[in-house]
Amino acid sequence: MTERTLILLRHAKSVDPDPYPTDLERPLSPRGRRDAAAAGEWLREQGLLPDLVLCSTAVRTRETLEGLQLAALPVMFEHRLYLGPAHDTLDLIRDGAPDVSTLLVIGHNPTLSMLSDLLAPDALPDEGLPTSGIAVHTVPGAWRDLDTAALRTHHTARG
């Protein structure tokens, strides 16, 4: 079986929720824009260029994706990534394109930290992924069989 790579990226820092009608509409803060660019730079430096991106429909996740400044990539925007439970996100990954070797998931906490912990228990620090936090997991086989995936590395991007 071919080894695959799963990259979990928590969205960059967003603005305070006060002036926005819904949480989905909150954009990135200026710091968040800098951090998203730093996350993209780190991914490029590590050679972690995804074949496919699964991205939450929230404004802040879309802006994080844009801020990564990665080459044009296939992207699937998925509302279930917005505050859905970790098991639902795992099901989305399992049902993904079988020929994808590197998958980037851009979403929210606590879901992404919980998912990372499901795949590699106690590998992340106790506080989980901060904003612009990246967890890179090695998937030993097919996406449909994903139950465990060692944490290869984690990084917090700051710009």
C-alpha atoms as a PDB file:
ATOM      1  CA  MET A   1       0.000   0.000   0.000  1.00  0.00           C
ATOM      2  CA  THR A   2       1.054   3.538  -0.674  1.00  0.00           C
ATOM      3  CA  GLU A   3       1.760   5.780   2.294  1.00  0.00           C
ATOM      4  CA  ARG A   4      -0.356   8.943   2.336  1.00  0.00           C
ATOM      5  CA  THR A   5      -0.100  12.265   4.130  1.00  0.00           C
ATOM      6  CA  LEU A   6      -2.900  13.995   6.015  1.00  0.00           C
ATOM      7  CA  ILE A   7      -2.392  17.650   6.919  1.00  0.00           C
ATOM      8  CA  LEU A   8      -4.783  19.168   9.458  1.00  0.00           C
ATOM      9  CA  LEU A   9      -4.711  22.969   9.566  1.00  0.00           C
ATOM     10  CA  ARG A  10      -6.711  25.002  12.037  1.00  0.00           C
ATOM     11  CA  HIS A  11      -7.771  28.305  10.486  1.00  0.00           C
ATOM     12  CA  ALA A  12      -5.688  31.401  11.206  1.00  0.00           C
ATOM     13  CA  LYS A  13      -6.680  33.990  13.826  1.00  0.00           C
ATOM     14  CA  SER A  14     -10.040  35.603  13.140  1.00  0.00           C
ATOM     15  CA  VAL A  15     -11.513  38.901  14.254  1.00  0.00           C
ATOM     16  CA  ASP A  16     -13.761  39.185  17.290  1.00  0.00           C
ATOM     17  CA  PRO A  17     -17.313  37.973  16.643  1.00  0.00           C
ATOM     18  CA  ASP A  18     -19.146  41.096  17.837  1.00  0.00           C
ATOM     19  CA  PRO A  19     -19.892  42.937  14.567  1.00  0.00           C
ATOM     20  CA  TYR A  20     -20.809  39.817  12.537  1.00  0.00           C
ATOM     21  CA  PRO A  21     -24.340  38.422  12.241  1.00  0.00           C
ATOM     22  CA  THR A  22     -23.109  34.809  12.289  1.00  0.00           C
ATOM     23  CA  ASP A  23     -19.924  33.033  13.305  1.00  0.00           C
ATOM     24  CA  LEU A  24     -19.547  31.700   9.750  1.00  0.00           C
ATOM     25  CA  GLU A  25     -18.996  35.255   8.491  1.00  0.00           C
ATOM     26  CA  ARG A  26     -16.000  36.138  10.670  1.00  0.00           C
ATOM     27  CA  PRO A  27     -12.927  37.005   8.553  1.00  0.00           C
ATOM     28  CA  LEU A  28      -9.265  36.758   9.460  1.00  0.00           C
ATOM     29  CA  SER A  29      -7.606  39.428  11.539  1.00  0.00           C
ATOM     30  CA  PRO A  30      -4.477  41.177  10.202  1.00  0.00           C
ATOM     31  CA  ARG A  31      -2.395  38.780  12.326  1.00  0.00           C
ATOM     32  CA  GLY A  32      -4.375  35.872  10.883  1.00  0.00           C
ATOM     33  CA  ARG A  33      -3.516  36.975   7.338  1.00  0.00           C
ATOM     34  CA  ARG A  34       0.187  37.054   8.213  1.00  0.00           C
ATOM     35  CA  ASP A  35      -0.038  33.677   9.952  1.00  0.00           C
ATOM     36  CA  ALA A  36      -1.831  32.070   6.982  1.00  0.00           C
ATOM     37  CA  ALA A  37       0.963  33.256   4.688  1.00  0.00           C
ATOM     38  CA  ALA A  38       3.528  31.838   7.126  1.00  0.00           C
ATOM     39  CA  ALA A  39       1.654  28.505   7.150  1.00  0.00           C
ATOM     40  CA  GLY A  40       1.804  28.366   3.355  1.00  0.00           C
ATOM     41  CA  GLU A  41       5.511  29.149   3.407  1.00  0.00           C
ATOM     42  CA  TRP A  42       6.133  26.370   5.946  1.00  0.00           C
ATOM     43  CA  LEU A  43       4.122  23.851   3.915  1.00  0.00           C
ATOM     44  CA  ARG A  44       6.141  24.708   0.786  1.00  0.00           C
ATOM     45  CA  GLU A  45       9.449  24.481   2.694  1.00  0.00           C
ATOM     46  CA  GLN A  46       8.450  21.034   3.997  1.00  0.00           C
ATOM     47  CA  GLY A  47       7.409  19.835   0.543  1.00  0.00           C
ATOM     48  CA  LEU A  48       3.854  19.335   1.813  1.00  0.00           C
ATOM     49  CA  LEU A  49       1.869  20.313  -1.240  1.00  0.00           C
ATOM     50  CA  PRO A  50      -1.608  18.788  -1.207  1.00  0.00           C
ATOM     51  CA  ASP A  51      -3.328  17.071  -4.110  1.00  0.00           C
ATOM     52  CA  LEU A  52      -6.705  18.029  -2.662  1.00  0.00           C
ATOM     53  CA  VAL A  53      -8.012  20.456  -0.039  1.00  0.00           C
ATOM     54  CA  LEU A  54     -11.108  19.888   2.086  1.00  0.00           C
ATOM     55  CA  CYS A  55     -12.088  23.271   3.501  1.00  0.00           C
ATOM     56  CA  SER A  56     -14.838  24.429   5.826  1.00  0.00           C
ATOM     57  CA  THR A  57     -17.303  26.909   4.354  1.00  0.00           C
ATOM     58  CA  ALA A  58     -16.580  29.561   7.017  1.00  0.00           C
ATOM     59  CA  VAL A  59     -15.085  32.830   5.772  1.00  0.00           C
ATOM     60  CA  ARG A  60     -12.030  32.472   8.018  1.00  0.00           C
ATOM     61  CA  THR A  61     -11.166  29.024   6.631  1.00  0.00           C
ATOM     62  CA  ARG A  62     -11.599  30.204   3.041  1.00  0.00           C
ATOM     63  CA  GLU A  63      -9.359  33.199   3.767  1.00  0.00           C
ATOM     64  CA  THR A  64      -6.807  30.904   5.418  1.00  0.00           C
ATOM     65  CA  LEU A  65      -6.747  28.785   2.253  1.00  0.00           C
ATOM     66  CA  GLU A  66      -6.302  31.896   0.110  1.00  0.00           C
ATOM     67  CA  GLY A  67      -3.537  33.168   2.403  1.00  0.00           C
ATOM     68  CA  LEU A  68      -1.536  29.950   2.007  1.00  0.00           C
ATOM     69  CA  GLN A  69      -0.747  31.093  -1.538  1.00  0.00           C
ATOM     70  CA  LEU A  70      -0.354  27.538  -2.781  1.00  0.00           C
ATOM     71  CA  ALA A  71      -0.573  26.766  -6.484  1.00  0.00           C
ATOM     72  CA  ALA A  72      -4.039  26.223  -7.901  1.00  0.00           C
ATOM     73  CA  LEU A  73      -5.408  23.152  -6.171  1.00  0.00           C
ATOM     74  CA  PRO A  74      -8.611  21.166  -6.329  1.00  0.00           C
ATOM     75  CA  VAL A  75     -10.718  22.302  -3.371  1.00  0.00           C
ATOM     76  CA  MET A  76     -13.884  20.832  -1.927  1.00  0.00           C
ATOM     77  CA  PHE A  77     -15.773  23.193   0.371  1.00  0.00           C
ATOM     78  CA  GLU A  78     -17.626  21.165   2.963  1.00  0.00           C
ATOM     79  CA  HIS A  79     -20.074  22.643   5.465  1.00  0.00           C
ATOM     80  CA  ARG A  80     -19.793  19.547   7.682  1.00  0.00           C
ATOM     81  CA  LEU A  81     -16.243  20.671   8.576  1.00  0.00           C
ATOM     82  CA  TYR A  82     -17.749  23.670  10.353  1.00  0.00           C
ATOM     83  CA  LEU A  83     -18.121  22.595  13.970  1.00  0.00           C
ATOM     84  CA  GLY A  84     -18.920  18.994  13.048  1.00  0.00           C
ATOM     85  CA  PRO A  85     -17.636  16.239  15.316  1.00  0.00           C
ATOM     86  CA  ALA A  86     -14.251  14.625  14.697  1.00  0.00           C
ATOM     87  CA  HIS A  87     -15.849  11.339  13.620  1.00  0.00           C
ATOM     88  CA  ASP A  88     -17.787  13.123  10.837  1.00  0.00           C
ATOM     89  CA  THR A  89     -14.556  14.694   9.603  1.00  0.00           C
ATOM     90  CA  LEU A  90     -12.884  11.289   9.676  1.00  0.00           C
ATOM     91  CA  ASP A  91     -15.761   9.913   7.570  1.00  0.00           C
ATOM     92  CA  LEU A  92     -15.281  12.753   5.052  1.00  0.00           C
ATOM     93  CA  ILE A  93     -11.599  11.857   4.777  1.00  0.00           C
ATOM     94  CA  ARG A  94     -12.347   8.148   4.394  1.00  0.00           C
ATOM     95  CA  ASP A  95     -14.831   8.911   1.606  1.00  0.00           C
ATOM     96  CA  GLY A  96     -12.391  11.225  -0.200  1.00  0.00           C
ATOM     97  CA  ALA A  97     -10.694  10.654  -3.509  1.00  0.00           C
ATOM     98  CA  PRO A  98      -8.840   7.332  -3.319  1.00  0.00           C
ATOM     99  CA  ASP A  99      -6.014   8.502  -5.599  1.00  0.00           C
ATOM    100  CA  VAL A 100      -5.070  11.503  -3.412  1.00  0.00           C
ATOM    101  CA  SER A 101      -1.687  11.064  -1.771  1.00  0.00           C
ATOM    102  CA  THR A 102      -1.583  14.318   0.242  1.00  0.00           C
ATOM    103  CA  LEU A 103      -4.791  15.748   1.675  1.00  0.00           C
ATOM    104  CA  LEU A 104      -5.080  19.119   3.430  1.00  0.00           C
ATOM    105  CA  VAL A 105      -8.065  19.668   5.738  1.00  0.00           C
ATOM    106  CA  ILE A 106      -8.700  23.262   6.842  1.00  0.00           C
ATOM    107  CA  GLY A 107     -11.153  23.520   9.696  1.00  0.00           C
ATOM    108  CA  HIS A 108     -11.836  24.431  13.287  1.00  0.00           C
ATOM    109  CA  ASN A 109     -11.230  23.426  16.872  1.00  0.00           C
ATOM    110  CA  PRO A 110     -12.039  21.440  18.828  1.00  0.00           C
ATOM    111  CA  THR A 111     -12.718  19.134  15.868  1.00  0.00           C
ATOM    112  CA  LEU A 112      -9.242  19.101  14.298  1.00  0.00           C
ATOM    113  CA  SER A 113      -7.400  18.647  17.603  1.00  0.00           C
ATOM    114  CA  MET A 114      -9.793  15.842  18.534  1.00  0.00           C
ATOM    115  CA  LEU A 115      -9.307  14.202  15.138  1.00  0.00           C
ATOM    116  CA  SER A 116      -5.530  14.379  15.477  1.00  0.00           C
ATOM    117  CA  ASP A 117      -5.845  12.794  18.899  1.00  0.00           C
ATOM    118  CA  LEU A 118      -8.121  10.043  17.545  1.00  0.00           C
ATOM    119  CA  LEU A 119      -5.529   9.184  14.903  1.00  0.00           C
ATOM    120  CA  ALA A 120      -2.470   9.468  17.169  1.00  0.00           C
ATOM    121  CA  PRO A 121      -3.518   9.535  20.840  1.00  0.00           C
ATOM    122  CA  ASP A 122      -1.544  11.884  23.084  1.00  0.00           C
ATOM    123  CA  ALA A 123       0.828  12.946  20.280  1.00  0.00           C
ATOM    124  CA  LEU A 124      -0.208  16.622  20.191  1.00  0.00           C
ATOM    125  CA  PRO A 125       0.400  18.876  23.198  1.00  0.00           C
ATOM    126  CA  ASP A 126      -2.543  18.910  25.633  1.00  0.00           C
ATOM    127  CA  GLU A 127      -3.754  22.299  24.398  1.00  0.00           C
ATOM    128  CA  GLY A 128      -4.226  20.930  20.872  1.00  0.00           C
ATOM    129  CA  LEU A 129      -3.856  23.002  17.735  1.00  0.00           C
ATOM    130  CA  PRO A 130      -3.725  26.781  18.194  1.00  0.00           C
ATOM    131  CA  THR A 131      -4.842  29.060  15.381  1.00  0.00           C
ATOM    132  CA  SER A 132      -2.639  28.370  12.328  1.00  0.00           C
ATOM    133  CA  GLY A 133      -1.636  25.096  13.967  1.00  0.00           C
ATOM    134  CA  ILE A 134      -0.670  22.297  11.599  1.00  0.00           C
ATOM    135  CA  ALA A 135      -0.622  18.564  12.353  1.00  0.00           C
ATOM    136  CA  VAL A 136       0.935  16.287   9.741  1.00  0.00           C
ATOM    137  CA  HIS A 137      -0.032  12.614   9.942  1.00  0.00           C
ATOM    138  CA  THR A 138       1.363   9.642   8.047  1.00  0.00           C
ATOM    139  CA  VAL A 139      -1.446   7.424   6.778  1.00  0.00           C
ATOM    140  CA  PRO A 140      -0.195   3.864   6.242  1.00  0.00           C
ATOM    141  CA  GLY A 141      -2.765   2.747   3.661  1.00  0.00           C
ATOM    142  CA  ALA A 142      -5.951   3.696   1.836  1.00  0.00           C
ATOM    143  CA  TRP A 143      -8.094   6.580   3.048  1.00  0.00           C
ATOM    144  CA  ARG A 144     -11.101   4.262   3.421  1.00  0.00           C
ATOM    145  CA  ASP A 145      -9.147   2.216   5.995  1.00  0.00           C
ATOM    146  CA  LEU A 146      -7.984   5.188   8.060  1.00  0.00           C
ATOM    147  CA  ASP A 147      -8.120   4.411  11.790  1.00  0.00           C
ATOM    148  CA  THR A 148      -4.673   5.419  13.019  1.00  0.00           C
ATOM    149  CA  ALA A 149      -2.042   7.713  11.567  1.00  0.00           C
ATOM    150  CA  ALA A 150       1.202   8.604  13.298  1.00  0.00           C
ATOM    151  CA  LEU A 151       1.853  12.272  13.920  1.00  0.00           C
ATOM    152  CA  ARG A 152       4.909  13.041  11.785  1.00  0.00           C
ATOM    153  CA  THR A 153       5.244  16.644  12.915  1.00  0.00           C
ATOM    154  CA  HIS A 154       3.271  19.638  14.097  1.00  0.00           C
ATOM    155  CA  HIS A 155       3.915  23.340  13.690  1.00  0.00           C
ATOM    156  CA  THR A 156       2.347  26.658  14.621  1.00  0.00           C
ATOM    157  CA  ALA A 157       2.711  29.223  11.849  1.00  0.00           C
ATOM    158  CA  ARG A 158       3.314  32.800  12.890  1.00  0.00           C
ATOM    159  CA  GLY A 159       3.969  35.631  10.471  1.00  0.00           C
END
